[in-house]
């Protein structure tokens, strides 16, 4: 049962999902920092963002699987991760180039995308020496990036809508941060539980992800 739960966590906290989580949180917590002129512009940004940060990299990885360039989507061998990391890095570079000077996108999101891009290429470099955990790189980046965002770009509270019934409830940023910490911890636990990584690969991933976001934040601010 715990292994099944670990697999679910690994899917929910897949590295390609994390940037979309940050985008949706920022839109809910502080929509005023975006330059949207209306719902149509907001929808186009979401579609473009999710397409470049998730759909295109995932399609490319699935094509590599179909062509036999990688054996499994788990990419258990270091050599299998080279192609997906290069492709993902290029797509994130493209995403960053599109949003960096875009008036619709705030620096609060741009710095996070830069940090994510940096972490991908650090992971590619380290992949020659160790099978560092990509999940915990993403989780560490999520943790550090959200810490910067919560401290600098939100109002201390966020309203969470409840679908279909037209209600919403308000939670504090402190609770949001606790939830992010728990999610980051679960990412590492799931990779260890599934025997996908050793402890040093998991902890190293956290370090790389957090360091990349610190570098990106310093570049911007």
C-alpha atoms as a PDB file:
ATOM      1  CA  UNK A   1       0.000   0.000   0.000  1.00  0.00           C
ATOM      2  CA  UNK A   2       2.793   2.428   0.882  1.00  0.00           C
ATOM      3  CA  UNK A   3       4.536   1.706  -2.423  1.00  0.00           C
ATOM      4  CA  UNK A   4       1.333   2.497  -4.298  1.00  0.00           C
ATOM      5  CA  UNK A   5       1.035   5.770  -2.364  1.00  0.00           C
ATOM      6  CA  UNK A   6       4.677   6.546  -3.191  1.00  0.00           C
ATOM      7  CA  UNK A   7       3.941   6.053  -6.894  1.00  0.00           C
ATOM      8  CA  UNK A   8       0.971   8.415  -6.698  1.00  0.00           C
ATOM      9  CA  UNK A   9       3.110  11.036  -4.964  1.00  0.00           C
ATOM     10  CA  UNK A  10       5.812  10.646  -7.609  1.00  0.00           C
ATOM     11  CA  UNK A  11       3.249  11.343 -10.329  1.00  0.00           C
ATOM     12  CA  UNK A  12       1.621  14.315  -8.580  1.00  0.00           C
ATOM     13  CA  UNK A  13       5.032  15.850  -7.825  1.00  0.00           C
ATOM     14  CA  UNK A  14       6.541  15.034 -11.216  1.00  0.00           C
ATOM     15  CA  UNK A  15       9.164  17.703 -12.050  1.00  0.00           C
ATOM     16  CA  UNK A  16       7.263  18.845 -15.164  1.00  0.00           C
ATOM     17  CA  UNK A  17       4.182  19.711 -13.075  1.00  0.00           C
ATOM     18  CA  UNK A  18       5.870  22.010 -10.562  1.00  0.00           C
ATOM     19  CA  UNK A  19       6.059  25.187 -12.665  1.00  0.00           C
ATOM     20  CA  UNK A  20       2.342  24.928 -13.453  1.00  0.00           C
ATOM     21  CA  UNK A  21       1.599  24.669  -9.720  1.00  0.00           C
ATOM     22  CA  UNK A  22       3.556  27.880  -9.105  1.00  0.00           C
ATOM     23  CA  UNK A  23       1.794  29.675 -11.972  1.00  0.00           C
ATOM     24  CA  UNK A  24      -1.668  28.719 -10.720  1.00  0.00           C
ATOM     25  CA  UNK A  25      -0.796  29.660  -7.142  1.00  0.00           C
ATOM     26  CA  UNK A  26       0.464  33.100  -8.145  1.00  0.00           C
ATOM     27  CA  UNK A  27      -2.633  33.723 -10.253  1.00  0.00           C
ATOM     28  CA  UNK A  28      -4.800  32.921  -7.264  1.00  0.00           C
ATOM     29  CA  UNK A  29      -2.730  34.566  -4.540  1.00  0.00           C
ATOM     30  CA  UNK A  30      -1.813  37.804  -6.343  1.00  0.00           C
ATOM     31  CA  UNK A  31      -3.480  38.173  -9.756  1.00  0.00           C
ATOM     32  CA  UNK A  32      -2.689  41.907  -9.793  1.00  0.00           C
ATOM     33  CA  UNK A  33       0.970  41.350 -10.637  1.00  0.00           C
ATOM     34  CA  UNK A  34      -0.044  39.876 -13.984  1.00  0.00           C
ATOM     35  CA  UNK A  35      -0.810  42.154 -16.915  1.00  0.00           C
ATOM     36  CA  UNK A  36      -3.960  40.389 -18.060  1.00  0.00           C
ATOM     37  CA  UNK A  37      -6.497  42.514 -19.915  1.00  0.00           C
ATOM     38  CA  UNK A  38      -9.215  39.926 -19.438  1.00  0.00           C
ATOM     39  CA  UNK A  39     -10.068  36.233 -19.063  1.00  0.00           C
ATOM     40  CA  UNK A  40      -9.058  35.494 -22.675  1.00  0.00           C
ATOM     41  CA  UNK A  41      -5.508  36.768 -22.146  1.00  0.00           C
ATOM     42  CA  UNK A  42      -5.294  34.828 -18.878  1.00  0.00           C
ATOM     43  CA  UNK A  43      -6.441  31.640 -20.579  1.00  0.00           C
ATOM     44  CA  UNK A  44      -3.939  32.046 -23.420  1.00  0.00           C
ATOM     45  CA  UNK A  45      -1.086  32.501 -20.955  1.00  0.00           C
ATOM     46  CA  UNK A  46      -2.079  29.365 -19.027  1.00  0.00           C
ATOM     47  CA  UNK A  47      -2.360  27.320 -22.214  1.00  0.00           C
ATOM     48  CA  UNK A  48       0.957  28.593 -23.593  1.00  0.00           C
ATOM     49  CA  UNK A  49       2.730  28.086 -20.284  1.00  0.00           C
ATOM     50  CA  UNK A  50       1.467  24.544 -19.703  1.00  0.00           C
ATOM     51  CA  UNK A  51       2.118  23.600 -23.332  1.00  0.00           C
ATOM     52  CA  UNK A  52       5.780  24.638 -23.277  1.00  0.00           C
ATOM     53  CA  UNK A  53       6.606  23.586 -19.709  1.00  0.00           C
ATOM     54  CA  UNK A  54       4.771  20.258 -19.684  1.00  0.00           C
ATOM     55  CA  UNK A  55       3.161  19.054 -22.917  1.00  0.00           C
ATOM     56  CA  UNK A  56       6.065  19.590 -25.330  1.00  0.00           C
ATOM     57  CA  UNK A  57       8.720  18.009 -23.048  1.00  0.00           C
ATOM     58  CA  UNK A  58       6.400  15.091 -22.267  1.00  0.00           C
ATOM     59  CA  UNK A  59       5.603  14.506 -25.939  1.00  0.00           C
ATOM     60  CA  UNK A  60       9.332  14.548 -26.727  1.00  0.00           C
ATOM     61  CA  UNK A  61      10.035  12.028 -23.953  1.00  0.00           C
ATOM     62  CA  UNK A  62       7.217   9.762 -25.157  1.00  0.00           C
ATOM     63  CA  UNK A  63       8.666   9.913 -28.671  1.00  0.00           C
ATOM     64  CA  UNK A  64      12.077   8.905 -27.292  1.00  0.00           C
ATOM     65  CA  UNK A  65      10.386   5.955 -25.583  1.00  0.00           C
ATOM     66  CA  UNK A  66       8.603   4.966 -28.821  1.00  0.00           C
ATOM     67  CA  UNK A  67      11.872   5.166 -30.769  1.00  0.00           C
ATOM     68  CA  UNK A  68      13.720   3.062 -28.208  1.00  0.00           C
ATOM     69  CA  UNK A  69      16.028   5.880 -27.119  1.00  0.00           C
ATOM     70  CA  UNK A  70      14.933   5.302 -23.538  1.00  0.00           C
ATOM     71  CA  UNK A  71      13.800   1.956 -22.113  1.00  0.00           C
ATOM     72  CA  UNK A  72      11.200   3.197 -19.640  1.00  0.00           C
ATOM     73  CA  UNK A  73       9.649   6.487 -18.592  1.00  0.00           C
ATOM     74  CA  UNK A  74      11.272   5.968 -15.174  1.00  0.00           C
ATOM     75  CA  UNK A  75      14.690   6.397 -16.847  1.00  0.00           C
ATOM     76  CA  UNK A  76      16.461   4.140 -14.375  1.00  0.00           C
ATOM     77  CA  UNK A  77      19.840   4.475 -16.071  1.00  0.00           C
ATOM     78  CA  UNK A  78      21.880   7.681 -16.154  1.00  0.00           C
ATOM     79  CA  UNK A  79      22.366   7.454 -19.909  1.00  0.00           C
ATOM     80  CA  UNK A  80      18.607   7.416 -20.480  1.00  0.00           C
ATOM     81  CA  UNK A  81      18.193  10.778 -18.782  1.00  0.00           C
ATOM     82  CA  UNK A  82      20.551  12.723 -21.056  1.00  0.00           C
ATOM     83  CA  UNK A  83      18.122  13.191 -23.958  1.00  0.00           C
ATOM     84  CA  UNK A  84      15.086  14.113 -21.813  1.00  0.00           C
ATOM     85  CA  UNK A  85      17.164  16.578 -19.781  1.00  0.00           C
ATOM     86  CA  UNK A  86      18.518  18.291 -22.909  1.00  0.00           C
ATOM     87  CA  UNK A  87      15.053  18.518 -24.473  1.00  0.00           C
ATOM     88  CA  UNK A  88      13.446  19.772 -21.264  1.00  0.00           C
ATOM     89  CA  UNK A  89      16.229  22.316 -20.774  1.00  0.00           C
ATOM     90  CA  UNK A  90      15.734  23.671 -24.294  1.00  0.00           C
ATOM     91  CA  UNK A  91      11.976  23.996 -23.830  1.00  0.00           C
ATOM     92  CA  UNK A  92      12.441  25.798 -20.523  1.00  0.00           C
ATOM     93  CA  UNK A  93      14.971  28.120 -22.132  1.00  0.00           C
ATOM     94  CA  UNK A  94      12.360  28.848 -24.796  1.00  0.00           C
ATOM     95  CA  UNK A  95       9.737  29.463 -22.112  1.00  0.00           C
ATOM     96  CA  UNK A  96      12.046  31.805 -20.213  1.00  0.00           C
ATOM     97  CA  UNK A  97      12.897  33.734 -23.407  1.00  0.00           C
ATOM     98  CA  UNK A  98       9.180  34.210 -24.048  1.00  0.00           C
ATOM     99  CA  UNK A  99       8.232  35.432 -20.585  1.00  0.00           C
ATOM    100  CA  UNK A 100      11.327  37.395 -19.500  1.00  0.00           C
ATOM    101  CA  UNK A 101      10.282  40.662 -21.160  1.00  0.00           C
ATOM    102  CA  UNK A 102       6.578  39.882 -21.426  1.00  0.00           C
ATOM    103  CA  UNK A 103       4.446  42.515 -19.708  1.00  0.00           C
ATOM    104  CA  UNK A 104       1.819  39.894 -18.888  1.00  0.00           C
ATOM    105  CA  UNK A 105       4.235  37.853 -16.765  1.00  0.00           C
ATOM    106  CA  UNK A 106       5.639  39.141 -13.445  1.00  0.00           C
ATOM    107  CA  UNK A 107       9.222  38.766 -12.280  1.00  0.00           C
ATOM    108  CA  UNK A 108       7.886  36.564  -9.482  1.00  0.00           C
ATOM    109  CA  UNK A 109       7.265  33.870 -12.092  1.00  0.00           C
ATOM    110  CA  UNK A 110      10.146  34.691 -14.430  1.00  0.00           C
ATOM    111  CA  UNK A 111      12.787  34.178 -11.753  1.00  0.00           C
ATOM    112  CA  UNK A 112      11.281  30.806 -10.866  1.00  0.00           C
ATOM    113  CA  UNK A 113      11.427  29.654 -14.496  1.00  0.00           C
ATOM    114  CA  UNK A 114      15.041  30.831 -14.715  1.00  0.00           C
ATOM    115  CA  UNK A 115      15.856  28.863 -11.561  1.00  0.00           C
ATOM    116  CA  UNK A 116      14.154  25.784 -12.974  1.00  0.00           C
ATOM    117  CA  UNK A 117      16.138  26.111 -16.205  1.00  0.00           C
ATOM    118  CA  UNK A 118      19.388  26.460 -14.285  1.00  0.00           C
ATOM    119  CA  UNK A 119      18.574  23.379 -12.203  1.00  0.00           C
ATOM    120  CA  UNK A 120      17.897  21.283 -15.326  1.00  0.00           C
ATOM    121  CA  UNK A 121      21.315  22.049 -16.783  1.00  0.00           C
ATOM    122  CA  UNK A 122      23.029  21.480 -13.441  1.00  0.00           C
ATOM    123  CA  UNK A 123      21.284  18.106 -13.315  1.00  0.00           C
ATOM    124  CA  UNK A 124      22.517  17.370 -16.847  1.00  0.00           C
ATOM    125  CA  UNK A 125      26.069  18.193 -15.793  1.00  0.00           C
ATOM    126  CA  UNK A 126      25.899  16.115 -12.614  1.00  0.00           C
ATOM    127  CA  UNK A 127      24.276  13.222 -14.443  1.00  0.00           C
ATOM    128  CA  UNK A 128      27.714  12.150 -15.666  1.00  0.00           C
ATOM    129  CA  UNK A 129      28.733  11.465 -12.067  1.00  0.00           C
ATOM    130  CA  UNK A 130      25.567  10.543 -10.187  1.00  0.00           C
ATOM    131  CA  UNK A 131      21.920   9.701 -10.829  1.00  0.00           C
ATOM    132  CA  UNK A 132      20.742  12.688  -8.840  1.00  0.00           C
ATOM    133  CA  UNK A 133      17.020  12.745  -8.101  1.00  0.00           C
ATOM    134  CA  UNK A 134      15.139  14.950 -10.558  1.00  0.00           C
ATOM    135  CA  UNK A 135      12.072  14.804  -8.320  1.00  0.00           C
ATOM    136  CA  UNK A 136      13.909  16.306  -5.367  1.00  0.00           C
ATOM    137  CA  UNK A 137      15.631  18.875  -7.572  1.00  0.00           C
ATOM    138  CA  UNK A 138      12.147  20.032  -8.540  1.00  0.00           C
ATOM    139  CA  UNK A 139      10.939  19.763  -4.930  1.00  0.00           C
ATOM    140  CA  UNK A 140      13.885  21.757  -3.599  1.00  0.00           C
ATOM    141  CA  UNK A 141      13.318  24.409  -6.234  1.00  0.00           C
ATOM    142  CA  UNK A 142       9.614  24.457  -5.400  1.00  0.00           C
ATOM    143  CA  UNK A 143      10.406  24.934  -1.721  1.00  0.00           C
ATOM    144  CA  UNK A 144      12.958  27.726  -2.200  1.00  0.00           C
ATOM    145  CA  UNK A 145      10.996  29.435  -4.971  1.00  0.00           C
ATOM    146  CA  UNK A 146       7.782  29.452  -2.965  1.00  0.00           C
ATOM    147  CA  UNK A 147       9.631  30.800   0.068  1.00  0.00           C
ATOM    148  CA  UNK A 148      10.778  33.797  -2.003  1.00  0.00           C
ATOM    149  CA  UNK A 149       7.332  34.227  -3.557  1.00  0.00           C
ATOM    150  CA  UNK A 150       5.454  34.024  -0.250  1.00  0.00           C
ATOM    151  CA  UNK A 151       7.794  36.502   1.408  1.00  0.00           C
ATOM    152  CA  UNK A 152       7.890  39.045  -1.412  1.00  0.00           C
ATOM    153  CA  UNK A 153       4.845  38.757  -3.663  1.00  0.00           C
ATOM    154  CA  UNK A 154       1.760  37.764  -1.684  1.00  0.00           C
ATOM    155  CA  UNK A 155      -0.463  39.423   0.914  1.00  0.00           C
ATOM    156  CA  UNK A 156      -0.240  36.908   3.739  1.00  0.00           C
ATOM    157  CA  UNK A 157      -3.484  35.157   2.779  1.00  0.00           C
ATOM    158  CA  UNK A 158      -4.830  33.363  -0.266  1.00  0.00           C
ATOM    159  CA  UNK A 159      -8.422  32.530  -1.204  1.00  0.00           C
ATOM    160  CA  UNK A 160      -8.917  28.976  -2.481  1.00  0.00           C
ATOM    161  CA  UNK A 161     -12.096  28.498  -4.554  1.00  0.00           C
ATOM    162  CA  UNK A 162     -14.230  25.391  -4.109  1.00  0.00           C
ATOM    163  CA  UNK A 163     -15.314  24.206  -7.576  1.00  0.00           C
ATOM    164  CA  UNK A 164     -18.971  23.975  -8.593  1.00  0.00           C
ATOM    165  CA  UNK A 165     -20.477  25.476  -5.422  1.00  0.00           C
ATOM    166  CA  UNK A 166     -19.216  29.053  -5.755  1.00  0.00           C
ATOM    167  CA  UNK A 167     -17.544  29.193  -2.346  1.00  0.00           C
ATOM    168  CA  UNK A 168     -13.970  29.759  -1.274  1.00  0.00           C
ATOM    169  CA  UNK A 169     -11.964  29.537   1.897  1.00  0.00           C
ATOM    170  CA  UNK A 170      -9.018  31.643   3.017  1.00  0.00           C
ATOM    171  CA  UNK A 171      -5.727  30.249   4.278  1.00  0.00           C
ATOM    172  CA  UNK A 172      -2.557  31.952   5.464  1.00  0.00           C
ATOM    173  CA  UNK A 173       0.773  31.939   3.661  1.00  0.00           C
ATOM    174  CA  UNK A 174       2.261  30.135   6.636  1.00  0.00           C
ATOM    175  CA  UNK A 175      -0.082  27.211   6.053  1.00  0.00           C
ATOM    176  CA  UNK A 176       0.761  27.280   2.342  1.00  0.00           C
ATOM    177  CA  UNK A 177       4.467  27.102   3.163  1.00  0.00           C
ATOM    178  CA  UNK A 178       3.909  24.200   5.575  1.00  0.00           C
ATOM    179  CA  UNK A 179       2.064  22.386   2.792  1.00  0.00           C
ATOM    180  CA  UNK A 180       4.949  23.034   0.379  1.00  0.00           C
ATOM    181  CA  UNK A 181       7.440  21.695   2.941  1.00  0.00           C
ATOM    182  CA  UNK A 182       5.339  18.565   3.360  1.00  0.00           C
ATOM    183  CA  UNK A 183       5.089  18.113  -0.414  1.00  0.00           C
ATOM    184  CA  UNK A 184       8.850  18.487  -0.785  1.00  0.00           C
ATOM    185  CA  UNK A 185       9.408  15.936   1.967  1.00  0.00           C
ATOM    186  CA  UNK A 186       6.961  13.505   0.380  1.00  0.00           C
ATOM    187  CA  UNK A 187       8.794  13.791  -2.942  1.00  0.00           C
ATOM    188  CA  UNK A 188      12.011  12.575  -1.334  1.00  0.00           C
ATOM    189  CA  UNK A 189      10.240   9.893   0.698  1.00  0.00           C
ATOM    190  CA  UNK A 190       8.529   8.511  -2.401  1.00  0.00           C
ATOM    191  CA  UNK A 191      11.792   8.199  -4.346  1.00  0.00           C
ATOM    192  CA  UNK A 192      13.443   6.388  -1.456  1.00  0.00           C
ATOM    193  CA  UNK A 193      10.413   4.164  -0.901  1.00  0.00           C
ATOM    194  CA  UNK A 194      10.419   3.127  -4.551  1.00  0.00           C
ATOM    195  CA  UNK A 195      14.188   2.474  -4.400  1.00  0.00           C
ATOM    196  CA  UNK A 196      14.603   4.883  -7.296  1.00  0.00           C
ATOM    197  CA  UNK A 197      17.506   6.700  -5.610  1.00  0.00           C
ATOM    198  CA  UNK A 198      19.997   6.506  -2.796  1.00  0.00           C
ATOM    199  CA  UNK A 199      19.874   8.968   0.079  1.00  0.00           C
ATOM    200  CA  UNK A 200      22.749  11.106  -1.216  1.00  0.00           C
ATOM    201  CA  UNK A 201      21.021  11.428  -4.609  1.00  0.00           C
ATOM    202  CA  UNK A 202      17.829  12.578  -2.910  1.00  0.00           C
ATOM    203  CA  UNK A 203      19.505  15.086  -0.590  1.00  0.00           C
ATOM    204  CA  UNK A 204      21.751  16.300  -3.398  1.00  0.00           C
ATOM    205  CA  UNK A 205      18.654  16.960  -5.472  1.00  0.00           C
ATOM    206  CA  UNK A 206      17.160  19.174  -2.774  1.00  0.00           C
ATOM    207  CA  UNK A 207      20.410  21.125  -2.573  1.00  0.00           C
ATOM    208  CA  UNK A 208      20.646  21.664  -6.349  1.00  0.00           C
ATOM    209  CA  UNK A 209      17.014  22.760  -6.632  1.00  0.00           C
ATOM    210  CA  UNK A 210      17.262  25.271  -3.789  1.00  0.00           C
ATOM    211  CA  UNK A 211      20.619  26.624  -4.945  1.00  0.00           C
ATOM    212  CA  UNK A 212      19.321  27.183  -8.484  1.00  0.00           C
ATOM    213  CA  UNK A 213      16.392  29.262  -7.192  1.00  0.00           C
ATOM    214  CA  UNK A 214      18.673  31.304  -4.942  1.00  0.00           C
ATOM    215  CA  UNK A 215      20.900  32.071  -7.939  1.00  0.00           C
ATOM    216  CA  UNK A 216      17.900  33.036 -10.078  1.00  0.00           C
ATOM    217  CA  UNK A 217      16.458  35.278  -7.355  1.00  0.00           C
ATOM    218  CA  UNK A 218      19.791  37.033  -6.924  1.00  0.00           C
ATOM    219  CA  UNK A 219      20.012  37.608 -10.689  1.00  0.00           C
ATOM    220  CA  UNK A 220      16.572  39.252 -10.727  1.00  0.00           C
ATOM    221  CA  UNK A 221      16.580  41.133  -7.462  1.00  0.00           C
END
